[in-house]
Amino acid sequence: MDLAYCRLSTTAQDLARQIHAVRAAGVAEEHVYVDMGTGVAAQRQGLTALLAFARPGDRINVVGLDRLGSDLRETLALVHSLAARGIFLRTLGGRFSADIRAPRPAGRTFGKARGAGHLRSRA
C-alpha cells in the first residue's frame, strides 16, 4: 500500500505543495500523514501514527528525505528501521530521489553518509 508523510519544519514551507505531490503520486488522501511543527523537539504525532500503521510491503512516499528527519543521523536511522521492517521508500524530489521497490527495502539502497548532508545511491 502506498502511504505518505508530509512535514513542515518552518512556517515558510508550503504543506499544500507536499500534499499535492504525494496525492499526484497516487497516495489516497486517507493515507497521507502530516506533522506541522518547528524545532528538533517538536512532537511528530503524524510520523508516529504512520509508523504504527505501516506494514511489510507498504511504501512510504515523501517529497524529500529531509522530511523524514531533522538531521542526517535521524533520517538514516529511520530509513534503516523501515528496511528492517520490510517497508519501502520513495522520494518524489529533492536533491536525492529514489523509488525503492521490492525486493530492496529502503535501507539497502542507501550507502554510507558522505559529508554533512550527502546520501548516495548504490547501484
Protein backbone atom coordinates (compact mmCIF):
# COMPACT_ATOMS: atom_id res chain seq x y z
CA MET A 1 0.00 0.00 0.00
CA ASP A 2 1.25 3.49 -0.77
CA LEU A 3 1.42 5.78 2.27
CA ALA A 4 2.83 9.30 2.57
CA TYR A 5 4.42 11.58 5.12
CA CYS A 6 4.46 15.36 4.87
CA ARG A 7 6.14 17.63 7.40
CA LEU A 8 6.59 21.34 7.88
CA SER A 9 9.62 22.29 9.92
CA THR A 10 9.35 26.05 9.35
CA THR A 11 6.44 28.38 8.79
CA ALA A 12 7.98 29.37 5.44
CA GLN A 13 7.33 25.92 3.96
CA ASP A 14 4.25 25.01 1.95
CA LEU A 15 2.32 21.96 3.16
CA ALA A 16 -0.09 22.15 0.21
CA ARG A 17 2.80 21.57 -2.22
CA GLN A 18 3.87 18.41 -0.39
CA ILE A 19 0.33 17.06 -0.16
CA HIS A 20 -0.28 17.78 -3.84
CA ALA A 21 2.92 15.92 -4.78
CA VAL A 22 2.09 12.78 -2.81
CA ARG A 23 -1.52 12.78 -4.00
CA ALA A 24 -0.32 13.15 -7.60
CA ALA A 25 1.94 10.14 -6.98
CA GLY A 26 -1.15 8.06 -6.25
CA VAL A 27 -1.41 8.13 -2.46
CA ALA A 28 -5.00 8.14 -1.21
CA GLU A 29 -5.94 11.13 0.96
CA GLU A 30 -6.65 8.93 3.98
CA HIS A 31 -3.09 7.55 3.80
CA VAL A 32 -1.33 10.92 3.99
CA TYR A 33 0.16 11.58 7.44
CA VAL A 34 1.10 15.16 8.35
CA ASP A 35 3.12 16.94 11.01
CA MET A 36 3.31 20.69 11.44
CA GLY A 37 5.89 21.87 13.91
CA THR A 38 9.20 23.55 14.18
CA GLY A 39 12.31 22.61 16.07
CA VAL A 40 14.05 19.34 16.77
CA ALA A 41 11.94 18.63 19.86
CA ALA A 42 8.61 19.04 18.04
CA GLN A 43 6.25 16.11 18.62
CA ARG A 44 5.64 14.13 15.46
CA GLN A 45 2.27 12.50 16.01
CA GLY A 46 1.76 12.05 12.25
CA LEU A 47 5.03 10.12 11.86
CA THR A 48 4.25 8.05 14.95
CA ALA A 49 0.83 7.14 13.53
CA LEU A 50 2.31 6.35 10.10
CA LEU A 51 4.95 4.04 11.57
CA ALA A 52 2.31 2.26 13.65
CA PHE A 53 0.08 1.78 10.58
CA ALA A 54 2.76 0.73 8.04
CA ARG A 55 3.17 -2.98 7.34
CA PRO A 56 5.80 -5.01 5.46
CA GLY A 57 5.44 -4.39 1.73
CA ASP A 58 3.99 -0.90 2.18
CA ARG A 59 5.80 2.04 0.61
CA ILE A 60 6.18 5.43 2.25
CA ASN A 61 6.28 8.41 -0.11
CA VAL A 62 7.95 11.67 0.87
CA VAL A 63 8.73 14.79 -1.12
CA GLY A 64 12.35 14.67 0.08
CA LEU A 65 14.45 12.77 2.59
CA ASP A 66 14.71 15.92 4.71
CA ARG A 67 11.01 15.47 5.56
CA LEU A 68 11.75 12.22 7.40
CA GLY A 69 14.18 13.55 9.99
CA SER A 70 15.52 16.76 11.44
CA ASP A 71 19.13 15.73 10.79
CA LEU A 72 21.09 13.16 8.80
CA ARG A 73 21.54 10.75 11.70
CA GLU A 74 17.81 10.67 12.47
CA THR A 75 16.94 10.23 8.79
CA LEU A 76 19.37 7.33 8.29
CA ALA A 77 18.14 5.64 11.48
CA LEU A 78 14.56 5.84 10.24
CA VAL A 79 15.48 4.55 6.78
CA HIS A 80 17.26 1.56 8.32
CA SER A 81 14.35 0.93 10.67
CA LEU A 82 11.96 0.89 7.70
CA ALA A 83 14.22 -1.52 5.84
CA ALA A 84 14.35 -3.86 8.82
CA ARG A 85 10.55 -3.88 8.85
CA GLY A 86 10.30 -4.57 5.08
CA ILE A 87 8.81 -1.14 4.37
CA PHE A 88 9.85 0.59 1.16
CA LEU A 89 10.55 4.26 0.48
CA ARG A 90 10.00 6.60 -2.46
CA THR A 91 11.17 10.19 -2.59
CA LEU A 92 9.39 12.42 -5.06
CA GLY A 93 12.03 15.08 -5.47
CA GLY A 94 14.70 16.90 -3.60
CA ARG A 95 18.43 16.53 -4.03
CA PHE A 96 18.27 12.76 -3.72
CA SER A 97 15.42 10.92 -5.27
CA ALA A 98 14.73 7.22 -5.17
CA ASP A 99 11.98 4.75 -5.88
CA ILE A 100 12.81 1.69 -3.89
CA ARG A 101 10.52 -1.23 -4.61
CA ALA A 102 10.59 -4.91 -3.69
CA PRO A 103 12.78 -6.81 -3.21
CA ARG A 104 15.02 -4.00 -1.93
CA PRO A 105 13.73 -2.42 1.29
CA ALA A 106 14.59 1.22 1.92
CA GLY A 107 17.94 0.95 3.64
CA ARG A 108 19.58 -1.43 1.18
CA THR A 109 19.90 1.25 -1.49
CA PHE A 110 21.49 3.86 0.72
CA GLY A 111 25.24 3.90 1.11
CA LYS A 112 27.17 5.42 3.97
CA ALA A 113 26.73 9.11 4.61
CA ARG A 114 29.42 11.20 2.99
CA GLY A 115 29.89 14.65 4.42
CA ALA A 116 27.33 16.55 6.42
CA GLY A 117 24.34 16.14 4.17
CA HIS A 118 25.05 13.80 1.32
CA LEU A 119 23.45 10.45 0.67
CA ARG A 120 24.49 8.34 -2.24
CA SER A 121 22.70 5.56 -4.04
CA ARG A 122 24.23 2.15 -4.53
CA ALA A 123 23.50 0.63 -7.94
